[in-house]
Amino acid sequence: MANPIKKNLKHVHELLAEGQFIEAMETYLHDDVELREANNAPKKGKKFNLDFEHDFIKNQLEEFVRYDVKNIAVQGSNSFYTAEMELKMKDGSTMLSEQAVATEWKDGKIYRERYYHA
């Protein structure tokens, strides 16, 4: 049997590559998820994180450019990958983020995820 985390992670990456952040979150975030940016406090709960993302897209994002995934590893209930994301912001700036993403999965959903940025 194929590892369900690998299958779900592949689908997450496909959605992100198309700029479908909300769909990825609605589909794959656990209700009790905690998402954490670097050393910031975790953002807790699926609803809170969806509201946060909707607000970001509405108020700050002008255009999605790309999300490229590299270096994927899955072991047990954990996954890790690196990615580059490029966004055009409403203030005229370009956000280019290189990140490493460490994820703990539970019941086929993202339960704890932490983003390390450069």
PDB file of N, CA and C in Angstrom:
ATOM      1  N   MET A   1       0.842  -1.186   0.000  1.00  0.00           N
ATOM      2  CA  MET A   1       0.000   0.000   0.000  1.00  0.00           C
ATOM      3  C   MET A   1       0.886   1.248   0.000  1.00  0.00           C
ATOM      4  N   ALA A   2       0.552   2.212  -0.804  1.00  0.00           N
ATOM      5  CA  ALA A   2       1.319   3.460  -0.882  1.00  0.00           C
ATOM      6  C   ALA A   2       1.109   4.276   0.388  1.00  0.00           C
ATOM      7  N   ASN A   3       2.122   5.033   0.726  1.00  0.00           N
ATOM      8  CA  ASN A   3       2.053   5.885   1.903  1.00  0.00           C
ATOM      9  C   ASN A   3       1.049   7.014   1.651  1.00  0.00           C
ATOM     10  N   PRO A   4      -0.042   7.105   2.469  1.00  0.00           N
ATOM     11  CA  PRO A   4      -1.042   8.157   2.229  1.00  0.00           C
ATOM     12  C   PRO A   4      -0.474   9.569   2.420  1.00  0.00           C
ATOM     13  N   ILE A   5       0.537   9.715   3.255  1.00  0.00           N
ATOM     14  CA  ILE A   5       1.138  11.036   3.440  1.00  0.00           C
ATOM     15  C   ILE A   5       1.798  11.479   2.131  1.00  0.00           C
ATOM     16  N   LYS A   6       2.503  10.577   1.466  1.00  0.00           N
ATOM     17  CA  LYS A   6       3.138  10.932   0.189  1.00  0.00           C
ATOM     18  C   LYS A   6       2.084  11.372  -0.829  1.00  0.00           C
ATOM     19  N   LYS A   7       0.975  10.648  -0.891  1.00  0.00           N
ATOM     20  CA  LYS A   7      -0.104  10.978  -1.826  1.00  0.00           C
ATOM     21  C   LYS A   7      -0.704  12.340  -1.486  1.00  0.00           C
ATOM     22  N   ASN A   8      -1.013  12.569  -0.214  1.00  0.00           N
ATOM     23  CA  ASN A   8      -1.617  13.836   0.186  1.00  0.00           C
ATOM     24  C   ASN A   8      -0.650  14.995   0.002  1.00  0.00           C
ATOM     25  N   LEU A   9       0.615  14.778   0.339  1.00  0.00           N
ATOM     26  CA  LEU A   9       1.621  15.826   0.179  1.00  0.00           C
ATOM     27  C   LEU A   9       1.786  16.191  -1.290  1.00  0.00           C
ATOM     28  N   LYS A  10       1.773  15.186  -2.159  1.00  0.00           N
ATOM     29  CA  LYS A  10       1.866  15.439  -3.603  1.00  0.00           C
ATOM     30  C   LYS A  10       0.712  16.317  -4.055  1.00  0.00           C
ATOM     31  N   HIS A  11      -0.502  16.031  -3.554  1.00  0.00           N
ATOM     32  CA  HIS A  11      -1.667  16.828  -3.938  1.00  0.00           C
ATOM     33  C   HIS A  11      -1.564  18.251  -3.368  1.00  0.00           C
ATOM     34  N   VAL A  12      -1.089  18.393  -2.138  1.00  0.00           N
ATOM     35  CA  VAL A  12      -0.858  19.721  -1.558  1.00  0.00           C
ATOM     36  C   VAL A  12       0.070  20.520  -2.465  1.00  0.00           C
ATOM     37  N   HIS A  13       1.161  19.903  -2.871  1.00  0.00           N
ATOM     38  CA  HIS A  13       2.139  20.586  -3.724  1.00  0.00           C
ATOM     39  C   HIS A  13       1.537  20.964  -5.077  1.00  0.00           C
ATOM     40  N   GLU A  14       0.701  20.111  -5.633  1.00  0.00           N
ATOM     41  CA  GLU A  14       0.031  20.438  -6.896  1.00  0.00           C
ATOM     42  C   GLU A  14      -0.861  21.663  -6.729  1.00  0.00           C
ATOM     43  N   LEU A  15      -1.609  21.710  -5.632  1.00  0.00           N
ATOM     44  CA  LEU A  15      -2.480  22.857  -5.372  1.00  0.00           C
ATOM     45  C   LEU A  15      -1.670  24.133  -5.166  1.00  0.00           C
ATOM     46  N   LEU A  16      -0.600  24.045  -4.381  1.00  0.00           N
ATOM     47  CA  LEU A  16       0.227  25.226  -4.123  1.00  0.00           C
ATOM     48  C   LEU A  16       0.886  25.726  -5.408  1.00  0.00           C
ATOM     49  N   ALA A  17       1.295  24.816  -6.268  1.00  0.00           N
ATOM     50  CA  ALA A  17       1.924  25.197  -7.531  1.00  0.00           C
ATOM     51  C   ALA A  17       0.960  25.973  -8.426  1.00  0.00           C
ATOM     52  N   GLU A  18      -0.335  25.780  -8.216  1.00  0.00           N
ATOM     53  CA  GLU A  18      -1.359  26.503  -8.978  1.00  0.00           C
ATOM     54  C   GLU A  18      -1.847  27.746  -8.233  1.00  0.00           C
ATOM     55  N   GLY A  19      -1.262  28.017  -7.052  1.00  0.00           N
ATOM     56  CA  GLY A  19      -1.687  29.171  -6.262  1.00  0.00           C
ATOM     57  C   GLY A  19      -2.997  28.951  -5.529  1.00  0.00           C
ATOM     58  N   GLN A  20      -3.402  27.704  -5.390  1.00  0.00           N
ATOM     59  CA  GLN A  20      -4.671  27.367  -4.736  1.00  0.00           C
ATOM     60  C   GLN A  20      -4.448  27.113  -3.241  1.00  0.00           C
ATOM     61  N   PHE A  21      -4.001  28.152  -2.548  1.00  0.00           N
ATOM     62  CA  PHE A  21      -3.655  28.045  -1.132  1.00  0.00           C
ATOM     63  C   PHE A  21      -4.876  27.712  -0.275  1.00  0.00           C
ATOM     64  N   ILE A  22      -5.992  28.381  -0.534  1.00  0.00           N
ATOM     65  CA  ILE A  22      -7.196  28.157   0.268  1.00  0.00           C
ATOM     66  C   ILE A  22      -7.702  26.727   0.085  1.00  0.00           C
ATOM     67  N   GLU A  23      -7.749  26.250  -1.146  1.00  0.00           N
ATOM     68  CA  GLU A  23      -8.209  24.877  -1.392  1.00  0.00           C
ATOM     69  C   GLU A  23      -7.299  23.868  -0.690  1.00  0.00           C
ATOM     70  N   ALA A  24      -5.986  24.093  -0.743  1.00  0.00           N
ATOM     71  CA  ALA A  24      -5.058  23.192  -0.061  1.00  0.00           C
ATOM     72  C   ALA A  24      -5.322  23.187   1.436  1.00  0.00           C
ATOM     73  N   MET A  25      -5.550  24.359   1.997  1.00  0.00           N
ATOM     74  CA  MET A  25      -5.791  24.462   3.433  1.00  0.00           C
ATOM     75  C   MET A  25      -7.127  23.832   3.817  1.00  0.00           C
ATOM     76  N   GLU A  26      -8.174  24.117   3.055  1.00  0.00           N
ATOM     77  CA  GLU A  26      -9.493  23.549   3.349  1.00  0.00           C
ATOM     78  C   GLU A  26      -9.463  22.025   3.293  1.00  0.00           C
ATOM     79  N   THR A  27      -8.711  21.493   2.347  1.00  0.00           N
ATOM     80  CA  THR A  27      -8.667  20.052   2.138  1.00  0.00           C
ATOM     81  C   THR A  27      -7.769  19.341   3.141  1.00  0.00           C
ATOM     82  N   TYR A  28      -6.616  19.937   3.469  1.00  0.00           N
ATOM     83  CA  TYR A  28      -5.599  19.179   4.191  1.00  0.00           C
ATOM     84  C   TYR A  28      -5.263  19.666   5.598  1.00  0.00           C
ATOM     85  N   LEU A  29      -5.828  20.763   6.068  1.00  0.00           N
ATOM     86  CA  LEU A  29      -5.545  21.154   7.450  1.00  0.00           C
ATOM     87  C   LEU A  29      -6.439  20.383   8.407  1.00  0.00           C
ATOM     88  N   HIS A  30      -5.851  19.846   9.437  1.00  0.00           N
ATOM     89  CA  HIS A  30      -6.564  19.203  10.533  1.00  0.00           C
ATOM     90  C   HIS A  30      -7.321  20.297  11.287  1.00  0.00           C
ATOM     91  N   ASP A  31      -8.461  19.977  11.860  1.00  0.00           N
ATOM     92  CA  ASP A  31      -9.229  20.983  12.611  1.00  0.00           C
ATOM     93  C   ASP A  31      -8.407  21.609  13.736  1.00  0.00           C
ATOM     94  N   ASP A  32      -7.522  20.831  14.347  1.00  0.00           N
ATOM     95  CA  ASP A  32      -6.702  21.308  15.468  1.00  0.00           C
ATOM     96  C   ASP A  32      -5.278  21.670  15.036  1.00  0.00           C
ATOM     97  N   VAL A  33      -5.115  22.081  13.794  1.00  0.00           N
ATOM     98  CA  VAL A  33      -3.798  22.378  13.233  1.00  0.00           C
ATOM     99  C   VAL A  33      -3.102  23.519  13.985  1.00  0.00           C
ATOM    100  N   GLU A  34      -1.777  23.464  13.969  1.00  0.00           N
ATOM    101  CA  GLU A  34      -0.941  24.577  14.420  1.00  0.00           C
ATOM    102  C   GLU A  34       0.080  24.841  13.319  1.00  0.00           C
ATOM    103  N   LEU A  35       0.035  26.048  12.753  1.00  0.00           N
ATOM    104  CA  LEU A  35       0.996  26.471  11.739  1.00  0.00           C
ATOM    105  C   LEU A  35       1.911  27.504  12.381  1.00  0.00           C
ATOM    106  N   ARG A  36       3.204  27.369  12.140  1.00  0.00           N
ATOM    107  CA  ARG A  36       4.169  28.239  12.805  1.00  0.00           C
ATOM    108  C   ARG A  36       5.201  28.762  11.821  1.00  0.00           C
ATOM    109  N   GLU A  37       5.339  30.069  11.759  1.00  0.00           N
ATOM    110  CA  GLU A  37       6.342  30.730  10.931  1.00  0.00           C
ATOM    111  C   GLU A  37       7.600  30.934  11.758  1.00  0.00           C
ATOM    112  N   ALA A  38       8.667  30.226  11.408  1.00  0.00           N
ATOM    113  CA  ALA A  38       9.967  30.358  12.082  1.00  0.00           C
ATOM    114  C   ALA A  38       9.787  30.295  13.602  1.00  0.00           C
ATOM    115  N   ASN A  39      10.199  31.355  14.317  1.00  0.00           N
ATOM    116  CA  ASN A  39      10.116  31.358  15.780  1.00  0.00           C
ATOM    117  C   ASN A  39       8.897  32.088  16.324  1.00  0.00           C
ATOM    118  N   ASN A  40       7.956  32.440  15.454  1.00  0.00           N
ATOM    119  CA  ASN A  40       6.734  33.096  15.914  1.00  0.00           C
ATOM    120  C   ASN A  40       5.838  32.102  16.645  1.00  0.00           C
ATOM    121  N   ALA A  41       4.887  32.630  17.393  1.00  0.00           N
ATOM    122  CA  ALA A  41       3.910  31.776  18.081  1.00  0.00           C
ATOM    123  C   ALA A  41       3.069  31.047  17.036  1.00  0.00           C
ATOM    124  N   PRO A  42       2.664  29.817  17.341  1.00  0.00           N
ATOM    125  CA  PRO A  42       1.846  29.085  16.374  1.00  0.00           C
ATOM    126  C   PRO A  42       0.463  29.713  16.202  1.00  0.00           C
ATOM    127  N   LYS A  43      -0.048  29.617  14.969  1.00  0.00           N
ATOM    128  CA  LYS A  43      -1.423  30.019  14.679  1.00  0.00           C
ATOM    129  C   LYS A  43      -2.248  28.733  14.799  1.00  0.00           C
ATOM    130  N   LYS A  44      -3.212  28.739  15.718  1.00  0.00           N
ATOM    131  CA  LYS A  44      -3.918  27.510  16.069  1.00  0.00           C
ATOM    132  C   LYS A  44      -5.328  27.459  15.501  1.00  0.00           C
ATOM    133  N   GLY A  45      -5.666  26.282  14.983  1.00  0.00           N
ATOM    134  CA  GLY A  45      -7.008  26.006  14.507  1.00  0.00           C
ATOM    135  C   GLY A  45      -7.187  26.249  13.018  1.00  0.00           C
ATOM    136  N   LYS A  46      -7.944  25.361  12.390  1.00  0.00           N
ATOM    137  CA  LYS A  46      -8.173  25.453  10.950  1.00  0.00           C
ATOM    138  C   LYS A  46      -8.886  26.749  10.583  1.00  0.00           C
ATOM    139  N   LYS A  47      -9.948  27.104  11.315  1.00  0.00           N
ATOM    140  CA  LYS A  47     -10.698  28.313  11.000  1.00  0.00           C
ATOM    141  C   LYS A  47      -9.822  29.549  11.117  1.00  0.00           C
ATOM    142  N   PHE A  48      -9.047  29.659  12.189  1.00  0.00           N
ATOM    143  CA  PHE A  48      -8.171  30.821  12.369  1.00  0.00           C
ATOM    144  C   PHE A  48      -7.190  30.943  11.208  1.00  0.00           C
ATOM    145  N   ASN A  49      -6.580  29.830  10.817  1.00  0.00           N
ATOM    146  CA  ASN A  49      -5.595  29.852   9.733  1.00  0.00           C
ATOM    147  C   ASN A  49      -6.233  30.174   8.381  1.00  0.00           C
ATOM    148  N   LEU A  50      -7.429  29.662   8.137  1.00  0.00           N
ATOM    149  CA  LEU A  50      -8.132  30.001   6.893  1.00  0.00           C
ATOM    150  C   LEU A  50      -8.485  31.481   6.864  1.00  0.00           C
ATOM    151  N   ASP A  51      -8.995  32.016   7.978  1.00  0.00           N
ATOM    152  CA  ASP A  51      -9.316  33.449   8.052  1.00  0.00           C
ATOM    153  C   ASP A  51      -8.066  34.290   7.823  1.00  0.00           C
ATOM    154  N   PHE A  52      -6.942  33.887   8.405  1.00  0.00           N
ATOM    155  CA  PHE A  52      -5.671  34.596   8.248  1.00  0.00           C
ATOM    156  C   PHE A  52      -5.247  34.613   6.781  1.00  0.00           C
ATOM    157  N   GLU A  53      -5.368  33.471   6.106  1.00  0.00           N
ATOM    158  CA  GLU A  53      -4.962  33.370   4.697  1.00  0.00           C
ATOM    159  C   GLU A  53      -5.890  34.188   3.798  1.00  0.00           C
ATOM    160  N   HIS A  54      -7.197  34.104   4.052  1.00  0.00           N
ATOM    161  CA  HIS A  54      -8.149  34.910   3.280  1.00  0.00           C
ATOM    162  C   HIS A  54      -7.802  36.397   3.402  1.00  0.00           C
ATOM    163  N   ASP A  55      -7.499  36.848   4.615  1.00  0.00           N
ATOM    164  CA  ASP A  55      -7.150  38.242   4.862  1.00  0.00           C
ATOM    165  C   ASP A  55      -5.876  38.629   4.106  1.00  0.00           C
ATOM    166  N   PHE A  56      -4.866  37.765   4.148  1.00  0.00           N
ATOM    167  CA  PHE A  56      -3.610  38.017   3.437  1.00  0.00           C
ATOM    168  C   PHE A  56      -3.859  38.161   1.939  1.00  0.00           C
ATOM    169  N   ILE A  57      -4.614  37.242   1.367  1.00  0.00           N
ATOM    170  CA  ILE A  57      -4.885  37.263  -0.069  1.00  0.00           C
ATOM    171  C   ILE A  57      -5.671  38.515  -0.456  1.00  0.00           C
ATOM    172  N   LYS A  58      -6.668  38.854   0.326  1.00  0.00           N
ATOM    173  CA  LYS A  58      -7.520  40.008   0.031  1.00  0.00           C
ATOM    174  C   LYS A  58      -6.777  41.330   0.169  1.00  0.00           C
ATOM    175  N   ASN A  59      -5.975  41.470   1.212  1.00  0.00           N
ATOM    176  CA  ASN A  59      -5.394  42.772   1.550  1.00  0.00           C
ATOM    177  C   ASN A  59      -3.955  42.994   1.110  1.00  0.00           C
ATOM    178  N   GLN A  60      -3.213  41.917   0.833  1.00  0.00           N
ATOM    179  CA  GLN A  60      -1.799  42.096   0.529  1.00  0.00           C
ATOM    180  C   GLN A  60      -1.345  41.522  -0.808  1.00  0.00           C
ATOM    181  N   LEU A  61      -1.957  40.442  -1.245  1.00  0.00           N
ATOM    182  CA  LEU A  61      -1.486  39.743  -2.441  1.00  0.00           C
ATOM    183  C   LEU A  61      -2.064  40.352  -3.715  1.00  0.00           C
ATOM    184  N   GLU A  62      -1.180  40.704  -4.628  1.00  0.00           N
ATOM    185  CA  GLU A  62      -1.604  41.202  -5.943  1.00  0.00           C
ATOM    186  C   GLU A  62      -1.632  40.056  -6.952  1.00  0.00           C
ATOM    187  N   GLU A  63      -0.553  39.226  -6.952  1.00  0.00           N
ATOM    188  CA  GLU A  63      -0.443  38.165  -7.963  1.00  0.00           C
ATOM    189  C   GLU A  63       0.429  37.026  -7.454  1.00  0.00           C
ATOM    190  N   PHE A  64      -0.066  35.823  -7.629  1.00  0.00           N
ATOM    191  CA  PHE A  64       0.727  34.626  -7.370  1.00  0.00           C
ATOM    192  C   PHE A  64       1.622  34.401  -8.585  1.00  0.00           C
ATOM    193  N   VAL A  65       2.927  34.196  -8.357  1.00  0.00           N
ATOM    194  CA  VAL A  65       3.866  33.958  -9.457  1.00  0.00           C
ATOM    195  C   VAL A  65       4.239  32.479  -9.529  1.00  0.00           C
ATOM    196  N   ARG A  66       4.744  31.925  -8.417  1.00  0.00           N
ATOM    197  CA  ARG A  66       5.164  30.518  -8.476  1.00  0.00           C
ATOM    198  C   ARG A  66       5.376  29.947  -7.081  1.00  0.00           C
ATOM    199  N   TYR A  67       5.287  28.628  -7.020  1.00  0.00           N
ATOM    200  CA  TYR A  67       5.627  27.856  -5.826  1.00  0.00           C
ATOM    201  C   TYR A  67       6.305  26.587  -6.320  1.00  0.00           C
ATOM    202  N   ASP A  68       7.620  26.498  -6.135  1.00  0.00           N
ATOM    203  CA  ASP A  68       8.408  25.374  -6.640  1.00  0.00           C
ATOM    204  C   ASP A  68       8.908  24.535  -5.472  1.00  0.00           C
ATOM    205  N   VAL A  69       8.578  23.252  -5.486  1.00  0.00           N
ATOM    206  CA  VAL A  69       8.956  22.334  -4.418  1.00  0.00           C
ATOM    207  C   VAL A  69      10.175  21.523  -4.820  1.00  0.00           C
ATOM    208  N   LYS A  70      11.067  21.311  -3.849  1.00  0.00           N
ATOM    209  CA  LYS A  70      12.280  20.517  -4.056  1.00  0.00           C
ATOM    210  C   LYS A  70      12.521  19.655  -2.820  1.00  0.00           C
ATOM    211  N   ASN A  71      13.380  18.683  -2.911  1.00  0.00           N
ATOM    212  CA  ASN A  71      13.909  17.952  -1.749  1.00  0.00           C
ATOM    213  C   ASN A  71      12.840  17.470  -0.771  1.00  0.00           C
ATOM    214  N   ILE A  72      12.035  16.513  -1.190  1.00  0.00           N
ATOM    215  CA  ILE A  72      10.947  15.985  -0.372  1.00  0.00           C
ATOM    216  C   ILE A  72      11.402  14.728   0.365  1.00  0.00           C
ATOM    217  N   ALA A  73      11.039  14.651   1.649  1.00  0.00           N
ATOM    218  CA  ALA A  73      11.297  13.445   2.435  1.00  0.00           C
ATOM    219  C   ALA A  73      10.058  13.153   3.285  1.00  0.00           C
ATOM    220  N   VAL A  74       9.707  11.858   3.371  1.00  0.00           N
ATOM    221  CA  VAL A  74       8.588  11.426   4.204  1.00  0.00           C
ATOM    222  C   VAL A  74       9.050  10.222   5.008  1.00  0.00           C
ATOM    223  N   GLN A  75       8.806  10.290   6.319  1.00  0.00           N
ATOM    224  CA  GLN A  75       9.122   9.156   7.188  1.00  0.00           C
ATOM    225  C   GLN A  75       8.077   9.111   8.295  1.00  0.00           C
ATOM    226  N   GLY A  76       7.446   7.946   8.430  1.00  0.00           N
ATOM    227  CA  GLY A  76       6.410   7.801   9.452  1.00  0.00           C
ATOM    228  C   GLY A  76       5.301   8.808   9.217  1.00  0.00           C
ATOM    229  N   SER A  77       4.958   9.575  10.252  1.00  0.00           N
ATOM    230  CA  SER A  77       3.897  10.575  10.141  1.00  0.00           C
ATOM    231  C   SER A  77       4.450  11.979   9.928  1.00  0.00           C
ATOM    232  N   ASN A  78       5.682  12.060   9.426  1.00  0.00           N
ATOM    233  CA  ASN A  78       6.327  13.356   9.220  1.00  0.00           C
ATOM    234  C   ASN A  78       6.798  13.515   7.778  1.00  0.00           C
ATOM    235  N   SER A  79       6.738  14.765   7.319  1.00  0.00           N
ATOM    236  CA  SER A  79       7.287  15.083   5.999  1.00  0.00           C
ATOM    237  C   SER A  79       8.129  16.347   6.115  1.00  0.00           C
ATOM    238  N   PHE A  80       9.007  16.515   5.142  1.00  0.00           N
ATOM    239  CA  PHE A  80       9.901  17.657   5.100  1.00  0.00           C
ATOM    240  C   PHE A  80      10.168  17.965   3.631  1.00  0.00           C
ATOM    241  N   TYR A  81      10.158  19.243   3.301  1.00  0.00           N
ATOM    242  CA  TYR A  81      10.521  19.626   1.946  1.00  0.00           C
ATOM    243  C   TYR A  81      11.030  21.060   1.934  1.00  0.00           C
ATOM    244  N   THR A  82      11.718  21.401   0.854  1.00  0.00           N
ATOM    245  CA  THR A  82      12.128  22.783   0.636  1.00  0.00           C
ATOM    246  C   THR A  82      11.359  23.320  -0.562  1.00  0.00           C
ATOM    247  N   ALA A  83      11.162  24.644  -0.565  1.00  0.00           N
ATOM    248  CA  ALA A  83      10.398  25.264  -1.638  1.00  0.00           C
ATOM    249  C   ALA A  83      10.812  26.713  -1.819  1.00  0.00           C
ATOM    250  N   GLU A  84      10.498  27.231  -2.993  1.00  0.00           N
ATOM    251  CA  GLU A  84      10.646  28.656  -3.272  1.00  0.00           C
ATOM    252  C   GLU A  84       9.284  29.182  -3.691  1.00  0.00           C
ATOM    253  N   MET A  85       8.912  30.339  -3.122  1.00  0.00           N
ATOM    254  CA  MET A  85       7.629  30.960  -3.438  1.00  0.00           C
ATOM    255  C   MET A  85       7.879  32.407  -3.860  1.00  0.00           C
ATOM    256  N   GLU A  86       7.200  32.812  -4.915  1.00  0.00           N
ATOM    257  CA  GLU A  86       7.309  34.193  -5.380  1.00  0.00           C
ATOM    258  C   GLU A  86       5.908  34.773  -5.527  1.00  0.00           C
ATOM    259  N   LEU A  87       5.717  35.935  -4.906  1.00  0.00           N
ATOM    260  CA  LEU A  87       4.432  36.629  -4.932  1.00  0.00           C
ATOM    261  C   LEU A  87       4.660  38.095  -5.257  1.00  0.00           C
ATOM    262  N   LYS A  88       3.729  38.691  -5.984  1.00  0.00           N
ATOM    263  CA  LYS A  88       3.710  40.140  -6.204  1.00  0.00           C
ATOM    264  C   LYS A  88       2.701  40.713  -5.203  1.00  0.00           C
ATOM    265  N   MET A  89       3.149  41.731  -4.465  1.00  0.00           N
ATOM    266  CA  MET A  89       2.323  42.300  -3.404  1.00  0.00           C
ATOM    267  C   MET A  89       1.630  43.573  -3.881  1.00  0.00           C
ATOM    268  N   LYS A  90       0.535  43.932  -3.216  1.00  0.00           N
ATOM    269  CA  LYS A  90      -0.226  45.128  -3.582  1.00  0.00           C
ATOM    270  C   LYS A  90       0.581  46.403  -3.398  1.00  0.00           C
ATOM    271  N   ASP A  91       1.590  46.376  -2.537  1.00  0.00           N
ATOM    272  CA  ASP A  91       2.414  47.572  -2.330  1.00  0.00           C
ATOM    273  C   ASP A  91       3.482  47.725  -3.420  1.00  0.00           C
ATOM    274  N   GLY A  92       3.463  46.835  -4.422  1.00  0.00           N
ATOM    275  CA  GLY A  92       4.409  46.918  -5.525  1.00  0.00           C
ATOM    276  C   GLY A  92       5.667  46.081  -5.336  1.00  0.00           C
ATOM    277  N   SER A  93       5.868  45.532  -4.168  1.00  0.00           N
ATOM    278  CA  SER A  93       7.060  44.724  -3.900  1.00  0.00           C
ATOM    279  C   SER A  93       6.866  43.291  -4.389  1.00  0.00           C
ATOM    280  N   THR A  94       7.977  42.582  -4.494  1.00  0.00           N
ATOM    281  CA  THR A  94       7.967  41.159  -4.805  1.00  0.00           C
ATOM    282  C   THR A  94       8.460  40.411  -3.585  1.00  0.00           C
ATOM    283  N   MET A  95       7.706  39.420  -3.161  1.00  0.00           N
ATOM    284  CA  MET A  95       8.114  38.587  -2.029  1.00  0.00           C
ATOM    285  C   MET A  95       8.678  37.288  -2.603  1.00  0.00           C
ATOM    286  N   LEU A  96       9.961  37.064  -2.375  1.00  0.00           N
ATOM    287  CA  LEU A  96      10.605  35.824  -2.781  1.00  0.00           C
ATOM    288  C   LEU A  96      11.035  35.119  -1.507  1.00  0.00           C
ATOM    289  N   SER A  97      10.458  33.967  -1.252  1.00  0.00           N
ATOM    290  CA  SER A  97      10.715  33.250  -0.017  1.00  0.00           C
ATOM    291  C   SER A  97      11.262  31.863  -0.323  1.00  0.00           C
ATOM    292  N   GLU A  98      12.406  31.555   0.270  1.00  0.00           N
ATOM    293  CA  GLU A  98      12.923  30.195   0.251  1.00  0.00           C
ATOM    294  C   GLU A  98      12.578  29.622   1.612  1.00  0.00           C
ATOM    295  N   GLN A  99      12.013  28.435   1.624  1.00  0.00           N
ATOM    296  CA  GLN A  99      11.576  27.882   2.903  1.00  0.00           C
ATOM    297  C   GLN A  99      11.821  26.381   2.991  1.00  0.00           C
ATOM    298  N   ALA A 100      11.992  25.951   4.238  1.00  0.00           N
ATOM    299  CA  ALA A 100      11.989  24.533   4.575  1.00  0.00           C
ATOM    300  C   ALA A 100      10.720  24.325   5.394  1.00  0.00           C
ATOM    301  N   VAL A 101       9.991  23.264   5.086  1.00  0.00           N
ATOM    302  CA  VAL A 101       8.699  23.020   5.719  1.00  0.00           C
ATOM    303  C   VAL A 101       8.725  21.650   6.390  1.00  0.00           C
ATOM    304  N   ALA A 102       8.533  21.652   7.706  1.00  0.00           N
ATOM    305  CA  ALA A 102       8.489  20.417   8.486  1.00  0.00           C
ATOM    306  C   ALA A 102       7.049  20.196   8.944  1.00  0.00           C
ATOM    307  N   THR A 103       6.502  19.024   8.633  1.00  0.00           N
ATOM    308  CA  THR A 103       5.087  18.759   8.892  1.00  0.00           C
ATOM    309  C   THR A 103       4.902  17.455   9.660  1.00  0.00           C
ATOM    310  N   GLU A 104       4.009  17.510  10.648  1.00  0.00           N
ATOM    311  CA  GLU A 104       3.513  16.310  11.328  1.00  0.00           C
ATOM    312  C   GLU A 104       2.088  16.098  10.851  1.00  0.00           C
ATOM    313  N   TRP A 105       1.782  14.893  10.384  1.00  0.00           N
ATOM    314  CA  TRP A 105       0.471  14.544   9.854  1.00  0.00           C
ATOM    315  C   TRP A 105      -0.312  13.728  10.871  1.00  0.00           C
ATOM    316  N   LYS A 106      -1.619  13.909  10.877  1.00  0.00           N
ATOM    317  CA  LYS A 106      -2.500  13.123  11.749  1.00  0.00           C
ATOM    318  C   LYS A 106      -3.814  12.892  10.999  1.00  0.00           C
ATOM    319  N   ASP A 107      -4.227  11.652  10.900  1.00  0.00           N
ATOM    320  CA  ASP A 107      -5.468  11.298  10.196  1.00  0.00           C
ATOM    321  C   ASP A 107      -5.472  11.800   8.751  1.00  0.00           C
ATOM    322  N   GLY A 108      -4.290  11.779   8.096  1.00  0.00           N
ATOM    323  CA  GLY A 108      -4.193  12.207   6.708  1.00  0.00           C
ATOM    324  C   GLY A 108      -4.215  13.711   6.508  1.00  0.00           C
ATOM    325  N   LYS A 109      -4.150  14.452   7.602  1.00  0.00           N
ATOM    326  CA  LYS A 109      -4.221  15.915   7.546  1.00  0.00           C
ATOM    327  C   LYS A 109      -2.964  16.530   8.166  1.00  0.00           C
ATOM    328  N   ILE A 110      -2.704  17.790   7.812  1.00  0.00           N
ATOM    329  CA  ILE A 110      -1.585  18.527   8.389  1.00  0.00           C
ATOM    330  C   ILE A 110      -1.974  18.931   9.807  1.00  0.00           C
ATOM    331  N   TYR A 111      -1.217  18.422  10.771  1.00  0.00           N
ATOM    332  CA  TYR A 111      -1.535  18.632  12.185  1.00  0.00           C
ATOM    333  C   TYR A 111      -0.643  19.707  12.810  1.00  0.00           C
ATOM    334  N   ARG A 112       0.650  19.639  12.553  1.00  0.00           N
ATOM    335  CA  ARG A 112       1.613  20.645  12.997  1.00  0.00           C
ATOM    336  C   ARG A 112       2.532  20.926  11.813  1.00  0.00           C
ATOM    337  N   GLU A 113       2.716  22.207  11.520  1.00  0.00           N
ATOM    338  CA  GLU A 113       3.604  22.541  10.412  1.00  0.00           C
ATOM    339  C   GLU A 113       4.385  23.798  10.778  1.00  0.00           C
ATOM    340  N   ARG A 114       5.670  23.743  10.446  1.00  0.00           N
ATOM    341  CA  ARG A 114       6.553  24.872  10.752  1.00  0.00           C
ATOM    342  C   ARG A 114       7.343  25.236   9.501  1.00  0.00           C
ATOM    343  N   TYR A 115       7.404  26.547   9.247  1.00  0.00           N
ATOM    344  CA  TYR A 115       8.093  27.091   8.077  1.00  0.00           C
ATOM    345  C   TYR A 115       9.349  27.823   8.524  1.00  0.00           C
ATOM    346  N   TYR A 116      10.460  27.459   7.936  1.00  0.00           N
ATOM    347  CA  TYR A 116      11.730  28.130   8.185  1.00  0.00           C
ATOM    348  C   TYR A 116      12.078  28.896   6.914  1.00  0.00           C
ATOM    349  N   HIS A 117      12.250  30.213   7.011  1.00  0.00           N
ATOM    350  CA  HIS A 117      12.413  31.074   5.839  1.00  0.00           C
ATOM    351  C   HIS A 117      13.830  31.619   5.701  1.00  0.00           C
ATOM    352  N   ALA A 118      14.200  31.867   4.450  1.00  0.00           N
ATOM    353  CA  ALA A 118      15.441  32.573   4.139  1.00  0.00           C
ATOM    354  C   ALA A 118      15.117  33.653   3.122  1.00  0.00           C
TER     355      ALA A 118
END
